[in-house]
Amino acid sequence: MSPLFLIAAYTLDRLIGDPPWLPHPVRWMGRFITIGEQGLRPLTAGPASLFLAGTGLSLALVGLSYGGSWLALRSLCAWSPTFGAMVMVYLAATTLAIKDLLDETATVVDCLLCHDLPGARARVARIVGRDTVELSESEVCRATVETLAESASDGIIAPLFYLAVGGVPAALAYKAINTLDSCIGHKDEHYFWFGKFAARLDDLANWLPARLTALLLVVAAALGGADWRGALSTWWRDAHRHASPNAGHPEATMAGALGVRLGGRNTYAGVPHVTPFLGQALRPLDIVAVETARRLVARVSWLGFAAALIFCLGGPR
């Protein structure tokens, strides 16, 4: 990707984020998945056909996201280079979620500072999938820190990585994979076979970005405000405990940097799930921990942007 386009996209996301009144590719992807599932499910009659249907839907969306955006941008740039460049920058910015992540977590902190626990539960429900209506203050803080760590990977570093190595088409293909995993990549009875391919594809797409995120979290901690030695040792010791092959890397590193313990019991649609603990409870999971996590993620975004920019400066124009 052109370094100037990358700078413009990163700046645009930091300035405006993802306003709901602007069109967003992820919303289109979500509709495609919903319509595709509604059309394909009546044609299935068992695990094998469910797996094939889910695989077909996943490949169609990822292929359409990559090929469609490549063809559209190529046509727009040929028709009007200026307009094509504007669309390219906008689409690149939509793959990043830095401003929205930091803003949403800031509203959780604001509610907790005002001793508004119901408000904090409602705010954190906007960024996590677990049930939040009965969370204690420390559980609200844990949910916020865990989301900051995981989203630092799939909302910041992974899109920057794919923008740098493959431009807008690759970043949109990654967002398609990420959206498929969110919509159908569940392990419950309804989605196990239909979403299995999407879940494995998401594991593959996030393998390197998750580890890069953990590395950048260690560097961000070393630059000030957190325990980089704890981050490094906890990453090495606890990352594999997470059920996901990728999410444990940023979460364990964040836990070590803050000196807190993440993981434990969560409830999804009334069903409890227990995940292994990551890190040690050396400090309380409170507003201070959330604020430190927000500063670390902001620093990780700068480090990731700088690395992506250096890569683009050294690549073909």
C-alpha atoms as a PDB file:
ATOM      1  CA  MET A   1       0.000   0.000   0.000  1.00  0.00           C
ATOM      2  CA  SER A   2       1.171   3.538  -0.675  1.00  0.00           C
ATOM      3  CA  PRO A   3       2.657   5.101   2.506  1.00  0.00           C
ATOM      4  CA  LEU A   4       0.607   8.262   1.937  1.00  0.00           C
ATOM      5  CA  PHE A   5      -2.630   6.261   1.730  1.00  0.00           C
ATOM      6  CA  LEU A   6      -1.717   4.381   4.915  1.00  0.00           C
ATOM      7  CA  ILE A   7      -1.039   7.666   6.737  1.00  0.00           C
ATOM      8  CA  ALA A   8      -4.352   9.090   5.492  1.00  0.00           C
ATOM      9  CA  ALA A   9      -6.315   5.977   6.507  1.00  0.00           C
ATOM     10  CA  TYR A  10      -4.789   5.819   9.989  1.00  0.00           C
ATOM     11  CA  THR A  11      -5.395   9.548  10.500  1.00  0.00           C
ATOM     12  CA  LEU A  12      -8.982   9.283   9.271  1.00  0.00           C
ATOM     13  CA  ASP A  13      -9.761   6.455  11.693  1.00  0.00           C
ATOM     14  CA  ARG A  14      -8.191   8.318  14.622  1.00  0.00           C
ATOM     15  CA  LEU A  15     -10.239  11.412  13.754  1.00  0.00           C
ATOM     16  CA  ILE A  16     -13.724  10.055  13.015  1.00  0.00           C
ATOM     17  CA  GLY A  17     -13.723   6.311  13.762  1.00  0.00           C
ATOM     18  CA  ASP A  18     -16.766   4.521  12.306  1.00  0.00           C
ATOM     19  CA  PRO A  19     -19.777   6.887  12.471  1.00  0.00           C
ATOM     20  CA  PRO A  20     -23.019   4.865  12.107  1.00  0.00           C
ATOM     21  CA  TRP A  21     -24.322   7.252   9.422  1.00  0.00           C
ATOM     22  CA  LEU A  22     -21.518   6.320   7.011  1.00  0.00           C
ATOM     23  CA  PRO A  23     -21.688   3.110   4.942  1.00  0.00           C
ATOM     24  CA  HIS A  24     -19.446   0.389   6.344  1.00  0.00           C
ATOM     25  CA  PRO A  25     -18.241  -2.789   4.579  1.00  0.00           C
ATOM     26  CA  VAL A  26     -18.617  -4.900   7.743  1.00  0.00           C
ATOM     27  CA  ARG A  27     -22.362  -4.184   7.844  1.00  0.00           C
ATOM     28  CA  TRP A  28     -22.611  -5.331   4.208  1.00  0.00           C
ATOM     29  CA  MET A  29     -20.651  -8.459   5.093  1.00  0.00           C
ATOM     30  CA  GLY A  30     -22.999  -9.169   7.999  1.00  0.00           C
ATOM     31  CA  ARG A  31     -26.043  -8.924   5.715  1.00  0.00           C
ATOM     32  CA  PHE A  32     -24.369 -11.194   3.139  1.00  0.00           C
ATOM     33  CA  ILE A  33     -23.747 -13.832   5.832  1.00  0.00           C
ATOM     34  CA  THR A  34     -27.322 -13.618   7.144  1.00  0.00           C
ATOM     35  CA  ILE A  35     -28.881 -13.931   3.706  1.00  0.00           C
ATOM     36  CA  GLY A  36     -26.439 -16.652   2.683  1.00  0.00           C
ATOM     37  CA  GLU A  37     -27.146 -18.712   5.801  1.00  0.00           C
ATOM     38  CA  GLN A  38     -30.906 -18.358   5.322  1.00  0.00           C
ATOM     39  CA  GLY A  39     -30.563 -19.593   1.759  1.00  0.00           C
ATOM     40  CA  LEU A  40     -28.151 -22.454   2.424  1.00  0.00           C
ATOM     41  CA  ARG A  41     -29.445 -24.028   5.637  1.00  0.00           C
ATOM     42  CA  PRO A  42     -32.628 -25.494   4.055  1.00  0.00           C
ATOM     43  CA  LEU A  43     -30.364 -27.325   1.571  1.00  0.00           C
ATOM     44  CA  THR A  44     -28.360 -29.125   4.285  1.00  0.00           C
ATOM     45  CA  ALA A  45     -29.128 -32.490   5.875  1.00  0.00           C
ATOM     46  CA  GLY A  46     -26.253 -33.344   8.193  1.00  0.00           C
ATOM     47  CA  PRO A  47     -22.730 -32.443   9.364  1.00  0.00           C
ATOM     48  CA  ALA A  48     -21.053 -32.923   5.968  1.00  0.00           C
ATOM     49  CA  SER A  49     -23.517 -30.752   4.051  1.00  0.00           C
ATOM     50  CA  LEU A  50     -23.475 -28.132   6.823  1.00  0.00           C
ATOM     51  CA  PHE A  51     -19.682 -27.991   6.635  1.00  0.00           C
ATOM     52  CA  LEU A  52     -19.726 -27.701   2.832  1.00  0.00           C
ATOM     53  CA  ALA A  53     -22.404 -25.001   2.934  1.00  0.00           C
ATOM     54  CA  GLY A  54     -20.489 -22.976   5.552  1.00  0.00           C
ATOM     55  CA  THR A  55     -17.256 -23.411   3.598  1.00  0.00           C
ATOM     56  CA  GLY A  56     -18.922 -22.226   0.403  1.00  0.00           C
ATOM     57  CA  LEU A  57     -20.413 -19.193   2.119  1.00  0.00           C
ATOM     58  CA  SER A  58     -17.070 -18.310   3.695  1.00  0.00           C
ATOM     59  CA  LEU A  59     -15.095 -18.644   0.468  1.00  0.00           C
ATOM     60  CA  ALA A  60     -17.699 -16.641  -1.433  1.00  0.00           C
ATOM     61  CA  LEU A  61     -17.588 -13.723   1.010  1.00  0.00           C
ATOM     62  CA  VAL A  62     -13.796 -13.648   1.315  1.00  0.00           C
ATOM     63  CA  GLY A  63     -13.375 -13.938  -2.460  1.00  0.00           C
ATOM     64  CA  LEU A  64     -15.975 -11.266  -3.110  1.00  0.00           C
ATOM     65  CA  SER A  65     -14.409  -8.922  -0.540  1.00  0.00           C
ATOM     66  CA  TYR A  66     -10.956  -9.285  -2.060  1.00  0.00           C
ATOM     67  CA  GLY A  67     -11.840  -9.517  -5.745  1.00  0.00           C
ATOM     68  CA  GLY A  68     -14.725  -7.061  -5.628  1.00  0.00           C
ATOM     69  CA  SER A  69     -12.734  -4.357  -3.867  1.00  0.00           C
ATOM     70  CA  TRP A  70      -9.719  -4.895  -6.132  1.00  0.00           C
ATOM     71  CA  LEU A  71     -11.843  -4.576  -9.273  1.00  0.00           C
ATOM     72  CA  ALA A  72     -13.856  -1.627  -7.934  1.00  0.00           C
ATOM     73  CA  LEU A  73     -10.779   0.335  -6.861  1.00  0.00           C
ATOM     74  CA  ARG A  74      -8.994  -0.406 -10.119  1.00  0.00           C
ATOM     75  CA  SER A  75     -12.003   0.832 -12.105  1.00  0.00           C
ATOM     76  CA  LEU A  76     -12.503   3.933  -9.942  1.00  0.00           C
ATOM     77  CA  CYS A  77      -8.815   4.895 -10.114  1.00  0.00           C
ATOM     78  CA  ALA A  78      -8.884   4.515 -13.918  1.00  0.00           C
ATOM     79  CA  TRP A  79     -12.007   6.710 -14.126  1.00  0.00           C
ATOM     80  CA  SER A  80     -10.891   9.330 -11.590  1.00  0.00           C
ATOM     81  CA  PRO A  81      -7.579   8.890  -9.753  1.00  0.00           C
ATOM     82  CA  THR A  82      -8.586  11.427  -7.097  1.00  0.00           C
ATOM     83  CA  PHE A  83     -11.960   9.841  -6.377  1.00  0.00           C
ATOM     84  CA  GLY A  84     -10.430   6.375  -6.476  1.00  0.00           C
ATOM     85  CA  ALA A  85      -7.796   7.438  -3.942  1.00  0.00           C
ATOM     86  CA  MET A  86     -10.487   8.888  -1.636  1.00  0.00           C
ATOM     87  CA  VAL A  87     -12.477   5.649  -1.730  1.00  0.00           C
ATOM     88  CA  MET A  88      -9.320   3.620  -1.122  1.00  0.00           C
ATOM     89  CA  VAL A  89      -8.416   5.686   1.955  1.00  0.00           C
ATOM     90  CA  TYR A  90     -11.968   5.456   3.293  1.00  0.00           C
ATOM     91  CA  LEU A  91     -12.158   1.682   2.833  1.00  0.00           C
ATOM     92  CA  ALA A  92      -8.740   1.280   4.468  1.00  0.00           C
ATOM     93  CA  ALA A  93      -9.891   3.369   7.439  1.00  0.00           C
ATOM     94  CA  THR A  94     -12.998   1.206   7.882  1.00  0.00           C
ATOM     95  CA  THR A  95     -10.793  -1.819   8.546  1.00  0.00           C
ATOM     96  CA  LEU A  96      -9.261  -0.074  11.597  1.00  0.00           C
ATOM     97  CA  ALA A  97     -11.050   0.258  14.947  1.00  0.00           C
ATOM     98  CA  ILE A  98      -8.667   2.344  17.047  1.00  0.00           C
ATOM     99  CA  LYS A  99     -10.821   5.376  17.854  1.00  0.00           C
ATOM    100  CA  ASP A 100     -13.989   3.374  18.478  1.00  0.00           C
ATOM    101  CA  LEU A 101     -12.195   0.928  20.788  1.00  0.00           C
ATOM    102  CA  LEU A 102     -10.575   3.679  22.857  1.00  0.00           C
ATOM    103  CA  ASP A 103     -13.759   5.791  22.940  1.00  0.00           C
ATOM    104  CA  GLU A 104     -16.048   2.904  23.938  1.00  0.00           C
ATOM    105  CA  THR A 105     -13.724   1.816  26.753  1.00  0.00           C
ATOM    106  CA  ALA A 106     -13.409   5.442  27.913  1.00  0.00           C
ATOM    107  CA  THR A 107     -17.184   5.597  28.419  1.00  0.00           C
ATOM    108  CA  VAL A 108     -16.977   2.507  30.663  1.00  0.00           C
ATOM    109  CA  VAL A 109     -14.340   4.270  32.766  1.00  0.00           C
ATOM    110  CA  ASP A 110     -16.448   7.446  32.914  1.00  0.00           C
ATOM    111  CA  CYS A 111     -19.443   5.496  34.259  1.00  0.00           C
ATOM    112  CA  LEU A 112     -17.306   3.762  36.891  1.00  0.00           C
ATOM    113  CA  LEU A 113     -15.801   7.081  37.978  1.00  0.00           C
ATOM    114  CA  CYS A 114     -19.374   8.343  38.493  1.00  0.00           C
ATOM    115  CA  HIS A 115     -20.215   5.159  40.506  1.00  0.00           C
ATOM    116  CA  ASP A 116     -22.748   4.268  37.789  1.00  0.00           C
ATOM    117  CA  LEU A 117     -22.330   0.479  37.708  1.00  0.00           C
ATOM    118  CA  PRO A 118     -25.537  -0.167  35.663  1.00  0.00           C
ATOM    119  CA  GLY A 119     -24.321   2.384  33.117  1.00  0.00           C
ATOM    120  CA  ALA A 120     -20.882   0.726  32.998  1.00  0.00           C
ATOM    121  CA  ARG A 121     -22.529  -2.672  32.458  1.00  0.00           C
ATOM    122  CA  ALA A 122     -24.590  -1.241  29.594  1.00  0.00           C
ATOM    123  CA  ARG A 123     -21.511   0.387  28.043  1.00  0.00           C
ATOM    124  CA  VAL A 124     -19.352  -2.726  28.261  1.00  0.00           C
ATOM    125  CA  ALA A 125     -22.188  -4.762  26.710  1.00  0.00           C
ATOM    126  CA  ARG A 126     -21.540  -2.776  23.493  1.00  0.00           C
ATOM    127  CA  ILE A 127     -18.061  -4.260  23.118  1.00  0.00           C
ATOM    128  CA  VAL A 128     -18.291  -7.791  24.591  1.00  0.00           C
ATOM    129  CA  GLY A 129     -20.421 -10.834  23.831  1.00  0.00           C
ATOM    130  CA  ARG A 130     -20.891 -12.052  27.416  1.00  0.00           C
ATOM    131  CA  ASP A 131     -23.870 -11.269  29.659  1.00  0.00           C
ATOM    132  CA  THR A 132     -23.194  -8.072  31.610  1.00  0.00           C
ATOM    133  CA  VAL A 133     -26.303  -7.289  33.667  1.00  0.00           C
ATOM    134  CA  GLU A 134     -24.958  -8.929  36.834  1.00  0.00           C
ATOM    135  CA  LEU A 135     -21.258  -8.104  36.526  1.00  0.00           C
ATOM    136  CA  SER A 136     -19.481  -6.614  39.542  1.00  0.00           C
ATOM    137  CA  GLU A 137     -17.252  -3.558  39.091  1.00  0.00           C
ATOM    138  CA  SER A 138     -14.100  -5.695  38.893  1.00  0.00           C
ATOM    139  CA  GLU A 139     -15.788  -8.003  36.358  1.00  0.00           C
ATOM    140  CA  VAL A 140     -16.708  -4.973  34.229  1.00  0.00           C
ATOM    141  CA  CYS A 141     -13.053  -3.942  34.402  1.00  0.00           C
ATOM    142  CA  ARG A 142     -11.922  -7.472  33.473  1.00  0.00           C
ATOM    143  CA  ALA A 143     -14.264  -7.577  30.478  1.00  0.00           C
ATOM    144  CA  THR A 144     -12.976  -4.183  29.341  1.00  0.00           C
ATOM    145  CA  VAL A 145      -9.297  -5.139  29.699  1.00  0.00           C
ATOM    146  CA  GLU A 146      -9.829  -8.471  27.912  1.00  0.00           C
ATOM    147  CA  THR A 147     -11.590  -6.702  25.036  1.00  0.00           C
ATOM    148  CA  LEU A 148      -8.838  -4.101  24.795  1.00  0.00           C
ATOM    149  CA  ALA A 149      -6.208  -6.857  24.554  1.00  0.00           C
ATOM    150  CA  GLU A 150      -8.045  -8.971  21.994  1.00  0.00           C
ATOM    151  CA  SER A 151      -9.202  -6.015  19.898  1.00  0.00           C
ATOM    152  CA  ALA A 152      -5.665  -4.636  19.831  1.00  0.00           C
ATOM    153  CA  SER A 153      -4.975  -7.658  17.641  1.00  0.00           C
ATOM    154  CA  ASP A 154      -8.057  -8.061  15.421  1.00  0.00           C
ATOM    155  CA  GLY A 155      -9.087  -4.385  15.342  1.00  0.00           C
ATOM    156  CA  ILE A 156      -5.682  -2.692  15.017  1.00  0.00           C
ATOM    157  CA  ILE A 157      -2.579  -4.781  14.335  1.00  0.00           C
ATOM    158  CA  ALA A 158      -4.144  -7.384  12.025  1.00  0.00           C
ATOM    159  CA  PRO A 159      -5.766  -4.754   9.714  1.00  0.00           C
ATOM    160  CA  LEU A 160      -2.530  -2.724   9.679  1.00  0.00           C
ATOM    161  CA  PHE A 161      -0.610  -5.910   8.833  1.00  0.00           C
ATOM    162  CA  TYR A 162      -2.884  -6.806   5.921  1.00  0.00           C
ATOM    163  CA  LEU A 163      -3.037  -3.202   4.664  1.00  0.00           C
ATOM    164  CA  ALA A 164       0.769  -3.145   4.615  1.00  0.00           C
ATOM    165  CA  VAL A 165       1.296  -6.490   2.870  1.00  0.00           C
ATOM    166  CA  GLY A 166      -1.728  -6.590   0.537  1.00  0.00           C
ATOM    167  CA  GLY A 167      -3.458  -3.225   0.494  1.00  0.00           C
ATOM    168  CA  VAL A 168      -7.193  -2.600   0.842  1.00  0.00           C
ATOM    169  CA  PRO A 169      -8.328  -5.878  -0.836  1.00  0.00           C
ATOM    170  CA  ALA A 170      -6.301  -7.976   1.639  1.00  0.00           C
ATOM    171  CA  ALA A 171      -7.513  -5.942   4.631  1.00  0.00           C
ATOM    172  CA  LEU A 172     -11.147  -6.277   3.525  1.00  0.00           C
ATOM    173  CA  ALA A 173     -10.665 -10.015   3.010  1.00  0.00           C
ATOM    174  CA  TYR A 174      -9.353 -10.171   6.578  1.00  0.00           C
ATOM    175  CA  LYS A 175     -12.399  -8.238   7.846  1.00  0.00           C
ATOM    176  CA  ALA A 176     -14.622 -10.709   5.982  1.00  0.00           C
ATOM    177  CA  ILE A 177     -12.877 -13.619   7.752  1.00  0.00           C
ATOM    178  CA  ASN A 178     -13.180 -11.839  11.094  1.00  0.00           C
ATOM    179  CA  THR A 179     -16.879 -11.084  10.524  1.00  0.00           C
ATOM    180  CA  LEU A 180     -17.591 -14.666   9.470  1.00  0.00           C
ATOM    181  CA  ASP A 181     -15.998 -15.928  12.681  1.00  0.00           C
ATOM    182  CA  SER A 182     -18.080 -13.491  14.759  1.00  0.00           C
ATOM    183  CA  CYS A 183     -21.330 -14.470  13.017  1.00  0.00           C
ATOM    184  CA  ILE A 184     -21.021 -18.223  12.498  1.00  0.00           C
ATOM    185  CA  GLY A 185     -17.733 -19.406  14.001  1.00  0.00           C
ATOM    186  CA  HIS A 186     -19.346 -20.641  17.234  1.00  0.00           C
ATOM    187  CA  LYS A 187     -18.830 -24.005  18.913  1.00  0.00           C
ATOM    188  CA  ASP A 188     -22.482 -24.513  19.854  1.00  0.00           C
ATOM    189  CA  GLU A 189     -24.649 -27.219  18.312  1.00  0.00           C
ATOM    190  CA  HIS A 190     -26.270 -24.864  15.806  1.00  0.00           C
ATOM    191  CA  TYR A 191     -23.028 -23.544  14.289  1.00  0.00           C
ATOM    192  CA  PHE A 192     -20.398 -26.218  15.013  1.00  0.00           C
ATOM    193  CA  TRP A 193     -20.317 -27.689  11.490  1.00  0.00           C
ATOM    194  CA  PHE A 194     -21.674 -24.692   9.542  1.00  0.00           C
ATOM    195  CA  GLY A 195     -19.060 -22.321  11.033  1.00  0.00           C
ATOM    196  CA  LYS A 196     -16.147 -24.725  11.429  1.00  0.00           C
ATOM    197  CA  PHE A 197     -14.312 -23.619   8.257  1.00  0.00           C
ATOM    198  CA  ALA A 198     -14.828 -19.927   9.116  1.00  0.00           C
ATOM    199  CA  ALA A 199     -13.438 -20.452  12.631  1.00  0.00           C
ATOM    200  CA  ARG A 200     -10.329 -22.281  11.374  1.00  0.00           C
ATOM    201  CA  LEU A 201      -9.773 -19.638   8.664  1.00  0.00           C
ATOM    202  CA  ASP A 202      -9.937 -16.932  11.345  1.00  0.00           C
ATOM    203  CA  ASP A 203      -7.384 -18.846  13.442  1.00  0.00           C
ATOM    204  CA  LEU A 204      -5.050 -18.937  10.447  1.00  0.00           C
ATOM    205  CA  ALA A 205      -5.524 -15.257   9.509  1.00  0.00           C
ATOM    206  CA  ASN A 206      -4.868 -14.101  13.080  1.00  0.00           C
ATOM    207  CA  TRP A 207      -1.920 -16.393  13.870  1.00  0.00           C
ATOM    208  CA  LEU A 208       0.872 -13.914  13.089  1.00  0.00           C
ATOM    209  CA  PRO A 209      -0.981 -10.656  14.003  1.00  0.00           C
ATOM    210  CA  ALA A 210      -1.838 -12.004  17.483  1.00  0.00           C
ATOM    211  CA  ARG A 211       1.814 -12.718  18.217  1.00  0.00           C
ATOM    212  CA  LEU A 212       2.921  -9.377  16.767  1.00  0.00           C
ATOM    213  CA  THR A 213       0.372  -7.697  19.051  1.00  0.00           C
ATOM    214  CA  ALA A 214       1.799  -9.473  22.091  1.00  0.00           C
ATOM    215  CA  LEU A 215       5.307  -8.397  21.101  1.00  0.00           C
ATOM    216  CA  LEU A 216       4.198  -4.787  20.648  1.00  0.00           C
ATOM    217  CA  LEU A 217       2.441  -4.892  24.037  1.00  0.00           C
ATOM    218  CA  VAL A 218       5.766  -5.840  25.646  1.00  0.00           C
ATOM    219  CA  VAL A 219       7.456  -2.929  23.845  1.00  0.00           C
ATOM    220  CA  ALA A 220       4.611  -0.567  24.800  1.00  0.00           C
ATOM    221  CA  ALA A 221       4.949  -1.634  28.446  1.00  0.00           C
ATOM    222  CA  ALA A 222       8.713  -1.049  28.306  1.00  0.00           C
ATOM    223  CA  LEU A 223       8.151   2.487  27.011  1.00  0.00           C
ATOM    224  CA  GLY A 224       6.512   3.348  30.320  1.00  0.00           C
ATOM    225  CA  GLY A 225       3.573   2.747  32.598  1.00  0.00           C
ATOM    226  CA  ALA A 226       3.586  -1.025  32.895  1.00  0.00           C
ATOM    227  CA  ASP A 227       5.633  -4.123  33.746  1.00  0.00           C
ATOM    228  CA  TRP A 228       7.316  -5.287  30.540  1.00  0.00           C
ATOM    229  CA  ARG A 229       9.154  -8.138  32.275  1.00  0.00           C
ATOM    230  CA  GLY A 230       5.855  -9.398  33.678  1.00  0.00           C
ATOM    231  CA  ALA A 231       4.277  -9.017  30.234  1.00  0.00           C
ATOM    232  CA  LEU A 232       7.005 -11.082  28.598  1.00  0.00           C
ATOM    233  CA  SER A 233       7.060 -13.853  31.214  1.00  0.00           C
ATOM    234  CA  THR A 234       3.250 -14.135  31.384  1.00  0.00           C
ATOM    235  CA  TRP A 235       3.021 -14.236  27.579  1.00  0.00           C
ATOM    236  CA  TRP A 236       5.501 -17.110  27.525  1.00  0.00           C
ATOM    237  CA  ARG A 237       3.890 -18.955  30.446  1.00  0.00           C
ATOM    238  CA  ASP A 238       0.119 -18.481  29.990  1.00  0.00           C
ATOM    239  CA  ALA A 239      -0.716 -17.767  26.329  1.00  0.00           C
ATOM    240  CA  HIS A 240      -1.246 -21.467  25.530  1.00  0.00           C
ATOM    241  CA  ARG A 241      -3.813 -21.851  28.328  1.00  0.00           C
ATOM    242  CA  HIS A 242      -6.466 -19.957  26.344  1.00  0.00           C
ATOM    243  CA  ALA A 243      -8.852 -22.086  24.279  1.00  0.00           C
ATOM    244  CA  SER A 244      -8.134 -19.911  21.248  1.00  0.00           C
ATOM    245  CA  PRO A 245      -4.759 -20.446  19.549  1.00  0.00           C
ATOM    246  CA  ASN A 246      -4.452 -16.668  19.152  1.00  0.00           C
ATOM    247  CA  ALA A 247      -6.431 -14.701  21.770  1.00  0.00           C
ATOM    248  CA  GLY A 248      -4.284 -15.983  24.632  1.00  0.00           C
ATOM    249  CA  HIS A 249      -1.206 -14.158  23.310  1.00  0.00           C
ATOM    250  CA  PRO A 250      -2.392 -10.531  23.666  1.00  0.00           C
ATOM    251  CA  GLU A 251      -4.536 -11.314  26.734  1.00  0.00           C
ATOM    252  CA  ALA A 252      -1.767 -13.073  28.683  1.00  0.00           C
ATOM    253  CA  THR A 253       0.703 -10.327  27.757  1.00  0.00           C
ATOM    254  CA  MET A 254      -1.745  -7.642  28.867  1.00  0.00           C
ATOM    255  CA  ALA A 255      -2.356  -9.484  32.151  1.00  0.00           C
ATOM    256  CA  GLY A 256       1.375  -9.597  32.838  1.00  0.00           C
ATOM    257  CA  ALA A 257       1.889  -5.944  31.901  1.00  0.00           C
ATOM    258  CA  LEU A 258      -0.844  -4.857  34.335  1.00  0.00           C
ATOM    259  CA  GLY A 259      -0.081  -7.399  37.067  1.00  0.00           C
ATOM    260  CA  VAL A 260      -3.693  -8.637  37.049  1.00  0.00           C
ATOM    261  CA  ARG A 261      -5.451 -11.931  36.508  1.00  0.00           C
ATOM    262  CA  LEU A 262      -7.731 -12.311  33.472  1.00  0.00           C
ATOM    263  CA  GLY A 263     -10.020 -15.187  32.488  1.00  0.00           C
ATOM    264  CA  GLY A 264     -12.386 -17.102  34.754  1.00  0.00           C
ATOM    265  CA  ARG A 265     -16.162 -17.477  34.670  1.00  0.00           C
ATOM    266  CA  ASN A 266     -18.268 -15.717  32.016  1.00  0.00           C
ATOM    267  CA  THR A 267     -21.902 -16.204  31.022  1.00  0.00           C
ATOM    268  CA  TYR A 268     -23.149 -16.192  27.434  1.00  0.00           C
ATOM    269  CA  ALA A 269     -26.947 -16.113  26.886  1.00  0.00           C
ATOM    270  CA  GLY A 270     -27.377 -17.510  30.373  1.00  0.00           C
ATOM    271  CA  VAL A 271     -24.907 -20.368  29.867  1.00  0.00           C
ATOM    272  CA  PRO A 272     -21.779 -20.233  32.075  1.00  0.00           C
ATOM    273  CA  HIS A 273     -18.342 -20.768  30.546  1.00  0.00           C
ATOM    274  CA  VAL A 274     -15.138 -21.075  32.549  1.00  0.00           C
ATOM    275  CA  THR A 275     -11.832 -20.161  30.927  1.00  0.00           C
ATOM    276  CA  PRO A 276      -8.338 -20.675  32.390  1.00  0.00           C
ATOM    277  CA  PHE A 277      -6.780 -17.851  34.368  1.00  0.00           C
ATOM    278  CA  LEU A 278      -4.085 -15.757  32.686  1.00  0.00           C
ATOM    279  CA  GLY A 279      -1.594 -13.838  34.824  1.00  0.00           C
ATOM    280  CA  GLN A 280      -1.397 -13.354  38.569  1.00  0.00           C
ATOM    281  CA  ALA A 281      -3.565 -11.085  40.722  1.00  0.00           C
ATOM    282  CA  LEU A 282      -0.733  -8.838  41.949  1.00  0.00           C
ATOM    283  CA  ARG A 283      -2.909  -5.713  41.616  1.00  0.00           C
ATOM    284  CA  PRO A 284      -6.681  -5.146  41.661  1.00  0.00           C
ATOM    285  CA  LEU A 285      -8.686  -5.149  38.429  1.00  0.00           C
ATOM    286  CA  ASP A 286      -9.957  -1.596  38.746  1.00  0.00           C
ATOM    287  CA  ILE A 287     -10.235   1.679  36.873  1.00  0.00           C
ATOM    288  CA  VAL A 288      -6.471   2.201  37.103  1.00  0.00           C
ATOM    289  CA  ALA A 289      -5.883  -1.113  35.330  1.00  0.00           C
ATOM    290  CA  VAL A 290      -8.372  -0.217  32.580  1.00  0.00           C
ATOM    291  CA  GLU A 291      -6.781   3.199  32.059  1.00  0.00           C
ATOM    292  CA  THR A 292      -3.306   1.637  31.886  1.00  0.00           C
ATOM    293  CA  ALA A 293      -4.607  -0.935  29.375  1.00  0.00           C
ATOM    294  CA  ARG A 294      -6.094   1.873  27.243  1.00  0.00           C
ATOM    295  CA  ARG A 295      -2.749   3.707  27.226  1.00  0.00           C
ATOM    296  CA  LEU A 296      -0.936   0.496  26.257  1.00  0.00           C
ATOM    297  CA  VAL A 297      -3.339  -0.159  23.368  1.00  0.00           C
ATOM    298  CA  ALA A 298      -2.990   3.437  22.143  1.00  0.00           C
ATOM    299  CA  ARG A 299       0.781   2.991  22.220  1.00  0.00           C
ATOM    300  CA  VAL A 300       0.502  -0.372  20.419  1.00  0.00           C
ATOM    301  CA  SER A 301      -1.478   1.326  17.651  1.00  0.00           C
ATOM    302  CA  TRP A 302       1.291   3.881  17.156  1.00  0.00           C
ATOM    303  CA  LEU A 303       3.960   1.170  17.141  1.00  0.00           C
ATOM    304  CA  GLY A 304       1.960  -0.963  14.708  1.00  0.00           C
ATOM    305  CA  PHE A 305       1.332   2.022  12.452  1.00  0.00           C
ATOM    306  CA  ALA A 306       5.041   2.919  12.461  1.00  0.00           C
ATOM    307  CA  ALA A 307       6.008  -0.659  11.585  1.00  0.00           C
ATOM    308  CA  ALA A 308       3.422  -0.829   8.790  1.00  0.00           C
ATOM    309  CA  LEU A 309       4.583   2.531   7.430  1.00  0.00           C
ATOM    310  CA  ILE A 310       8.228   1.425   7.389  1.00  0.00           C
ATOM    311  CA  PHE A 311       7.189  -1.752   5.547  1.00  0.00           C
ATOM    312  CA  CYS A 312       5.241   0.291   2.974  1.00  0.00           C
ATOM    313  CA  LEU A 313       8.142   2.729   2.500  1.00  0.00           C
ATOM    314  CA  GLY A 314      10.374  -0.214   1.619  1.00  0.00           C
ATOM    315  CA  GLY A 315       7.898  -1.888  -0.715  1.00  0.00           C
ATOM    316  CA  PRO A 316       6.860  -1.311  -4.321  1.00  0.00           C
ATOM    317  CA  ARG A 317       4.728   1.765  -5.041  1.00  0.00           C
END
